[in-house]
Amino acid sequence: MIRPHRSHPLWVAFLLHRVSGIGLALFLPVHFYMLSLAISSAATLDGLLRFTDLTLVKIAEFFLVFLLSVHMFGGLRLIALEFLPWTNNQKTLAATAVALAFMISTGFFLRAI
């Protein structure tokens, strides 16, 4: 049985913010490892750059940018909750945060193709 507070749209926004933060935290060690490989040798960097031309990697970049932007806009919404007075349109702000994140990541993906 789903608890009543877990069916609220703002709880879903909180969950999306939390999951995106965990996804970004899991990506960071991979990112730093790839950076260390790029610094250590030029051949490794060339192989890495060829790898990033794959369509699957571009789709993964889309999801990564989506996670980053949804985390950023969700965090801005949470900061607004802390410092601004509570309003009735908080669900609209949460939906706007997701829409902006999707637009940014889609623009990044279309530019990458």
N, C-alpha and C. Protein backbone atom coordinates (compact mmCIF):
# COMPACT_ATOMS: atom_id res chain seq x y z
N MET A 1 0.83 -1.18 0.00
CA MET A 1 0.00 0.00 0.00
C MET A 1 0.88 1.25 0.00
N ILE A 2 0.59 2.17 -0.88
CA ILE A 2 1.36 3.41 -0.97
C ILE A 2 0.86 4.38 0.10
N ARG A 3 1.79 4.92 0.86
CA ARG A 3 1.42 5.89 1.87
C ARG A 3 0.93 7.17 1.20
N PRO A 4 0.02 7.91 1.84
CA PRO A 4 -0.57 9.09 1.19
C PRO A 4 0.44 10.15 0.78
N HIS A 5 1.47 10.36 1.59
CA HIS A 5 2.43 11.40 1.23
C HIS A 5 3.30 10.99 0.04
N ARG A 6 3.40 9.71 -0.24
CA ARG A 6 4.22 9.26 -1.36
C ARG A 6 3.51 9.35 -2.69
N SER A 7 2.25 9.68 -2.69
CA SER A 7 1.55 9.89 -3.95
C SER A 7 1.47 11.37 -4.32
N HIS A 8 2.02 12.21 -3.47
CA HIS A 8 2.01 13.65 -3.72
C HIS A 8 3.06 14.00 -4.79
N PRO A 9 2.74 14.88 -5.73
CA PRO A 9 3.69 15.23 -6.79
C PRO A 9 5.01 15.82 -6.28
N LEU A 10 4.98 16.54 -5.17
CA LEU A 10 6.22 17.10 -4.65
C LEU A 10 7.12 16.03 -4.03
N TRP A 11 6.53 14.93 -3.55
CA TRP A 11 7.35 13.83 -3.08
C TRP A 11 8.07 13.19 -4.27
N VAL A 12 7.38 13.10 -5.40
CA VAL A 12 8.01 12.56 -6.61
C VAL A 12 9.15 13.48 -7.05
N ALA A 13 8.97 14.80 -6.91
CA ALA A 13 10.04 15.74 -7.24
C ALA A 13 11.24 15.54 -6.31
N PHE A 14 10.97 15.33 -5.03
CA PHE A 14 12.04 15.04 -4.08
C PHE A 14 12.77 13.76 -4.46
N LEU A 15 12.01 12.72 -4.83
CA LEU A 15 12.61 11.44 -5.20
C LEU A 15 13.47 11.58 -6.45
N LEU A 16 12.98 12.34 -7.43
CA LEU A 16 13.76 12.57 -8.65
C LEU A 16 15.05 13.31 -8.34
N HIS A 17 14.98 14.29 -7.44
CA HIS A 17 16.18 15.03 -7.05
C HIS A 17 17.17 14.10 -6.35
N ARG A 18 16.68 13.24 -5.48
CA ARG A 18 17.56 12.32 -4.75
C ARG A 18 18.19 11.30 -5.68
N VAL A 19 17.41 10.71 -6.58
CA VAL A 19 17.92 9.70 -7.51
C VAL A 19 18.93 10.32 -8.48
N SER A 20 18.67 11.55 -8.93
CA SER A 20 19.62 12.19 -9.83
C SER A 20 20.93 12.48 -9.11
N GLY A 21 20.86 12.84 -7.84
CA GLY A 21 22.10 13.05 -7.07
C GLY A 21 22.90 11.77 -6.92
N ILE A 22 22.21 10.67 -6.68
CA ILE A 22 22.91 9.38 -6.56
C ILE A 22 23.53 8.98 -7.90
N GLY A 23 22.79 9.19 -8.99
CA GLY A 23 23.33 8.88 -10.31
C GLY A 23 24.56 9.71 -10.64
N LEU A 24 24.53 10.99 -10.29
CA LEU A 24 25.71 11.83 -10.52
C LEU A 24 26.87 11.41 -9.64
N ALA A 25 26.60 11.03 -8.41
CA ALA A 25 27.66 10.57 -7.53
C ALA A 25 28.30 9.28 -8.03
N LEU A 26 27.50 8.42 -8.65
CA LEU A 26 28.06 7.18 -9.22
C LEU A 26 28.87 7.46 -10.48
N PHE A 27 28.53 8.53 -11.20
CA PHE A 27 29.25 8.85 -12.42
C PHE A 27 30.61 9.48 -12.14
N LEU A 28 30.74 10.23 -11.06
CA LEU A 28 31.98 10.97 -10.81
C LEU A 28 33.25 10.10 -10.77
N PRO A 29 33.28 8.95 -10.11
CA PRO A 29 34.51 8.15 -10.15
C PRO A 29 34.88 7.70 -11.57
N VAL A 30 33.88 7.38 -12.37
CA VAL A 30 34.14 6.99 -13.76
C VAL A 30 34.73 8.18 -14.52
N HIS A 31 34.17 9.35 -14.29
CA HIS A 31 34.66 10.56 -14.96
C HIS A 31 36.11 10.85 -14.58
N PHE A 32 36.42 10.77 -13.30
CA PHE A 32 37.79 11.04 -12.87
C PHE A 32 38.76 9.97 -13.37
N TYR A 33 38.31 8.74 -13.45
CA TYR A 33 39.16 7.68 -14.00
C TYR A 33 39.47 7.94 -15.47
N MET A 34 38.45 8.33 -16.23
CA MET A 34 38.68 8.64 -17.65
C MET A 34 39.59 9.86 -17.81
N LEU A 35 39.46 10.84 -16.93
CA LEU A 35 40.36 11.99 -16.98
C LEU A 35 41.80 11.57 -16.69
N SER A 36 41.98 10.68 -15.74
CA SER A 36 43.33 10.22 -15.44
C SER A 36 43.92 9.43 -16.59
N LEU A 37 43.07 8.66 -17.29
CA LEU A 37 43.57 7.95 -18.47
C LEU A 37 43.94 8.93 -19.57
N ALA A 38 43.19 10.00 -19.72
CA ALA A 38 43.48 11.00 -20.75
C ALA A 38 44.78 11.73 -20.44
N ILE A 39 45.07 11.95 -19.18
CA ILE A 39 46.29 12.67 -18.82
C ILE A 39 47.51 11.78 -18.99
N SER A 40 47.35 10.49 -18.75
CA SER A 40 48.51 9.59 -18.75
C SER A 40 49.09 9.32 -20.14
N SER A 41 48.26 9.26 -21.19
CA SER A 41 48.82 9.00 -22.51
C SER A 41 47.90 9.54 -23.60
N ALA A 42 48.52 9.97 -24.69
CA ALA A 42 47.75 10.52 -25.82
C ALA A 42 46.98 9.42 -26.54
N ALA A 43 47.54 8.22 -26.60
CA ALA A 43 46.86 7.12 -27.28
C ALA A 43 45.56 6.75 -26.56
N THR A 44 45.60 6.78 -25.26
CA THR A 44 44.39 6.50 -24.48
C THR A 44 43.34 7.57 -24.72
N LEU A 45 43.79 8.82 -24.80
CA LEU A 45 42.86 9.91 -25.07
C LEU A 45 42.23 9.77 -26.45
N ASP A 46 43.01 9.39 -27.44
CA ASP A 46 42.46 9.19 -28.78
C ASP A 46 41.42 8.06 -28.80
N GLY A 47 41.71 6.98 -28.10
CA GLY A 47 40.74 5.89 -28.01
C GLY A 47 39.47 6.31 -27.29
N LEU A 48 39.63 7.10 -26.25
CA LEU A 48 38.47 7.60 -25.52
C LEU A 48 37.63 8.53 -26.39
N LEU A 49 38.25 9.37 -27.17
CA LEU A 49 37.51 10.27 -28.04
C LEU A 49 36.79 9.51 -29.15
N ARG A 50 37.40 8.45 -29.66
CA ARG A 50 36.70 7.61 -30.65
C ARG A 50 35.50 6.90 -30.01
N PHE A 51 35.67 6.50 -28.76
CA PHE A 51 34.59 5.83 -28.04
C PHE A 51 33.39 6.76 -27.84
N THR A 52 33.65 8.04 -27.64
CA THR A 52 32.55 8.98 -27.39
C THR A 52 31.76 9.30 -28.65
N ASP A 53 32.22 8.88 -29.79
CA ASP A 53 31.45 9.09 -31.03
C ASP A 53 30.34 8.05 -31.23
N LEU A 54 30.32 7.02 -30.41
CA LEU A 54 29.28 5.99 -30.54
C LEU A 54 27.91 6.57 -30.15
N THR A 55 26.89 6.08 -30.81
CA THR A 55 25.53 6.57 -30.54
C THR A 55 25.09 6.23 -29.12
N LEU A 56 25.46 5.07 -28.63
CA LEU A 56 25.09 4.67 -27.28
C LEU A 56 25.69 5.62 -26.24
N VAL A 57 26.91 6.08 -26.48
CA VAL A 57 27.55 7.02 -25.56
C VAL A 57 26.84 8.37 -25.62
N LYS A 58 26.41 8.78 -26.80
CA LYS A 58 25.69 10.05 -26.92
C LYS A 58 24.35 9.98 -26.19
N ILE A 59 23.70 8.84 -26.23
CA ILE A 59 22.44 8.67 -25.49
C ILE A 59 22.72 8.69 -23.99
N ALA A 60 23.81 8.06 -23.56
CA ALA A 60 24.19 8.10 -22.15
C ALA A 60 24.52 9.53 -21.72
N GLU A 61 25.16 10.31 -22.60
CA GLU A 61 25.42 11.72 -22.30
C GLU A 61 24.13 12.50 -22.13
N PHE A 62 23.12 12.17 -22.96
CA PHE A 62 21.82 12.82 -22.83
C PHE A 62 21.26 12.59 -21.43
N PHE A 63 21.28 11.34 -20.97
CA PHE A 63 20.75 11.03 -19.64
C PHE A 63 21.59 11.67 -18.54
N LEU A 64 22.90 11.75 -18.76
CA LEU A 64 23.76 12.39 -17.77
C LEU A 64 23.45 13.88 -17.66
N VAL A 65 23.31 14.55 -18.79
CA VAL A 65 22.97 15.97 -18.77
C VAL A 65 21.57 16.15 -18.19
N PHE A 66 20.65 15.24 -18.48
CA PHE A 66 19.31 15.32 -17.88
C PHE A 66 19.40 15.20 -16.36
N LEU A 67 20.18 14.24 -15.87
CA LEU A 67 20.34 14.09 -14.42
C LEU A 67 20.95 15.34 -13.81
N LEU A 68 21.96 15.90 -14.48
CA LEU A 68 22.61 17.09 -13.95
C LEU A 68 21.65 18.27 -13.91
N SER A 69 20.90 18.48 -14.98
CA SER A 69 20.01 19.63 -15.01
C SER A 69 18.80 19.45 -14.11
N VAL A 70 18.26 18.23 -14.02
CA VAL A 70 17.12 18.02 -13.12
C VAL A 70 17.58 18.16 -11.67
N HIS A 71 18.79 17.77 -11.39
CA HIS A 71 19.32 17.93 -10.04
C HIS A 71 19.51 19.41 -9.72
N MET A 72 20.02 20.16 -10.68
CA MET A 72 20.24 21.59 -10.47
C MET A 72 18.91 22.33 -10.28
N PHE A 73 17.96 22.11 -11.20
CA PHE A 73 16.69 22.81 -11.09
C PHE A 73 15.87 22.33 -9.89
N GLY A 74 15.96 21.06 -9.58
CA GLY A 74 15.29 20.56 -8.38
C GLY A 74 15.90 21.16 -7.12
N GLY A 75 17.21 21.32 -7.11
CA GLY A 75 17.88 21.97 -5.98
C GLY A 75 17.49 23.43 -5.86
N LEU A 76 17.37 24.12 -6.98
CA LEU A 76 16.91 25.51 -6.94
C LEU A 76 15.49 25.60 -6.39
N ARG A 77 14.65 24.62 -6.76
CA ARG A 77 13.29 24.61 -6.23
C ARG A 77 13.30 24.37 -4.73
N LEU A 78 14.18 23.49 -4.26
CA LEU A 78 14.27 23.24 -2.82
C LEU A 78 14.80 24.46 -2.07
N ILE A 79 15.75 25.16 -2.67
CA ILE A 79 16.26 26.39 -2.05
C ILE A 79 15.14 27.42 -1.98
N ALA A 80 14.34 27.50 -3.02
CA ALA A 80 13.21 28.43 -3.01
C ALA A 80 12.21 28.05 -1.93
N LEU A 81 12.01 26.75 -1.70
CA LEU A 81 11.12 26.31 -0.62
C LEU A 81 11.64 26.76 0.74
N GLU A 82 12.95 26.74 0.91
CA GLU A 82 13.52 27.10 2.20
C GLU A 82 13.44 28.60 2.47
N PHE A 83 13.70 29.40 1.45
CA PHE A 83 13.88 30.83 1.69
C PHE A 83 12.70 31.70 1.27
N LEU A 84 11.81 31.19 0.47
CA LEU A 84 10.66 31.98 0.02
C LEU A 84 9.40 31.49 0.72
N PRO A 85 8.39 32.32 0.80
CA PRO A 85 7.16 31.86 1.43
C PRO A 85 6.49 30.76 0.60
N TRP A 86 5.81 29.86 1.28
CA TRP A 86 5.13 28.73 0.63
C TRP A 86 3.99 29.25 -0.23
N THR A 87 3.90 28.73 -1.45
CA THR A 87 2.81 29.11 -2.35
C THR A 87 2.08 27.86 -2.81
N ASN A 88 0.95 28.06 -3.41
CA ASN A 88 0.16 26.92 -3.89
C ASN A 88 0.67 26.36 -5.21
N ASN A 89 1.54 27.07 -5.89
CA ASN A 89 2.00 26.60 -7.20
C ASN A 89 3.33 25.86 -7.12
N GLN A 90 3.64 25.19 -6.01
CA GLN A 90 4.88 24.45 -5.90
C GLN A 90 4.94 23.28 -6.88
N LYS A 91 3.78 22.68 -7.17
CA LYS A 91 3.76 21.59 -8.16
C LYS A 91 4.11 22.13 -9.54
N THR A 92 3.69 23.34 -9.85
CA THR A 92 4.03 23.95 -11.13
C THR A 92 5.53 24.21 -11.22
N LEU A 93 6.13 24.65 -10.12
CA LEU A 93 7.57 24.87 -10.11
C LEU A 93 8.34 23.55 -10.29
N ALA A 94 7.85 22.50 -9.69
CA ALA A 94 8.50 21.19 -9.84
C ALA A 94 8.39 20.70 -11.28
N ALA A 95 7.22 20.86 -11.88
CA ALA A 95 7.06 20.46 -13.28
C ALA A 95 7.90 21.33 -14.20
N THR A 96 8.03 22.60 -13.88
CA THR A 96 8.87 23.49 -14.68
C THR A 96 10.33 23.06 -14.60
N ALA A 97 10.77 22.64 -13.41
CA ALA A 97 12.15 22.19 -13.24
C ALA A 97 12.43 20.97 -14.12
N VAL A 98 11.52 20.03 -14.16
CA VAL A 98 11.71 18.84 -14.99
C VAL A 98 11.66 19.21 -16.47
N ALA A 99 10.76 20.10 -16.84
CA ALA A 99 10.66 20.51 -18.25
C ALA A 99 11.92 21.24 -18.70
N LEU A 100 12.45 22.13 -17.88
CA LEU A 100 13.69 22.82 -18.23
C LEU A 100 14.85 21.84 -18.34
N ALA A 101 14.91 20.88 -17.43
CA ALA A 101 15.98 19.88 -17.49
C ALA A 101 15.89 19.07 -18.77
N PHE A 102 14.67 18.70 -19.15
CA PHE A 102 14.50 17.93 -20.38
C PHE A 102 14.87 18.76 -21.60
N MET A 103 14.52 20.03 -21.62
CA MET A 103 14.85 20.89 -22.76
C MET A 103 16.36 21.07 -22.88
N ILE A 104 17.05 21.26 -21.78
CA ILE A 104 18.50 21.43 -21.82
C ILE A 104 19.18 20.16 -22.29
N SER A 105 18.79 19.02 -21.75
CA SER A 105 19.44 17.77 -22.15
C SER A 105 19.11 17.40 -23.59
N THR A 106 17.90 17.69 -24.05
CA THR A 106 17.55 17.42 -25.44
C THR A 106 18.35 18.32 -26.38
N GLY A 107 18.50 19.59 -26.02
CA GLY A 107 19.32 20.49 -26.82
C GLY A 107 20.77 20.02 -26.90
N PHE A 108 21.30 19.55 -25.77
CA PHE A 108 22.66 19.01 -25.76
C PHE A 108 22.77 17.79 -26.66
N PHE A 109 21.77 16.91 -26.58
CA PHE A 109 21.79 15.69 -27.38
C PHE A 109 21.68 16.01 -28.87
N LEU A 110 20.80 16.92 -29.25
CA LEU A 110 20.65 17.26 -30.66
C LEU A 110 21.91 17.92 -31.20
N ARG A 111 22.57 18.71 -30.39
CA ARG A 111 23.81 19.34 -30.83
C ARG A 111 24.94 18.31 -30.96
N ALA A 112 24.90 17.27 -30.14
CA ALA A 112 25.95 16.25 -30.17
C ALA A 112 25.83 15.34 -31.39
N ILE A 113 24.61 15.20 -31.91
CA ILE A 113 24.41 14.34 -33.08
C ILE A 113 24.87 15.06 -34.27
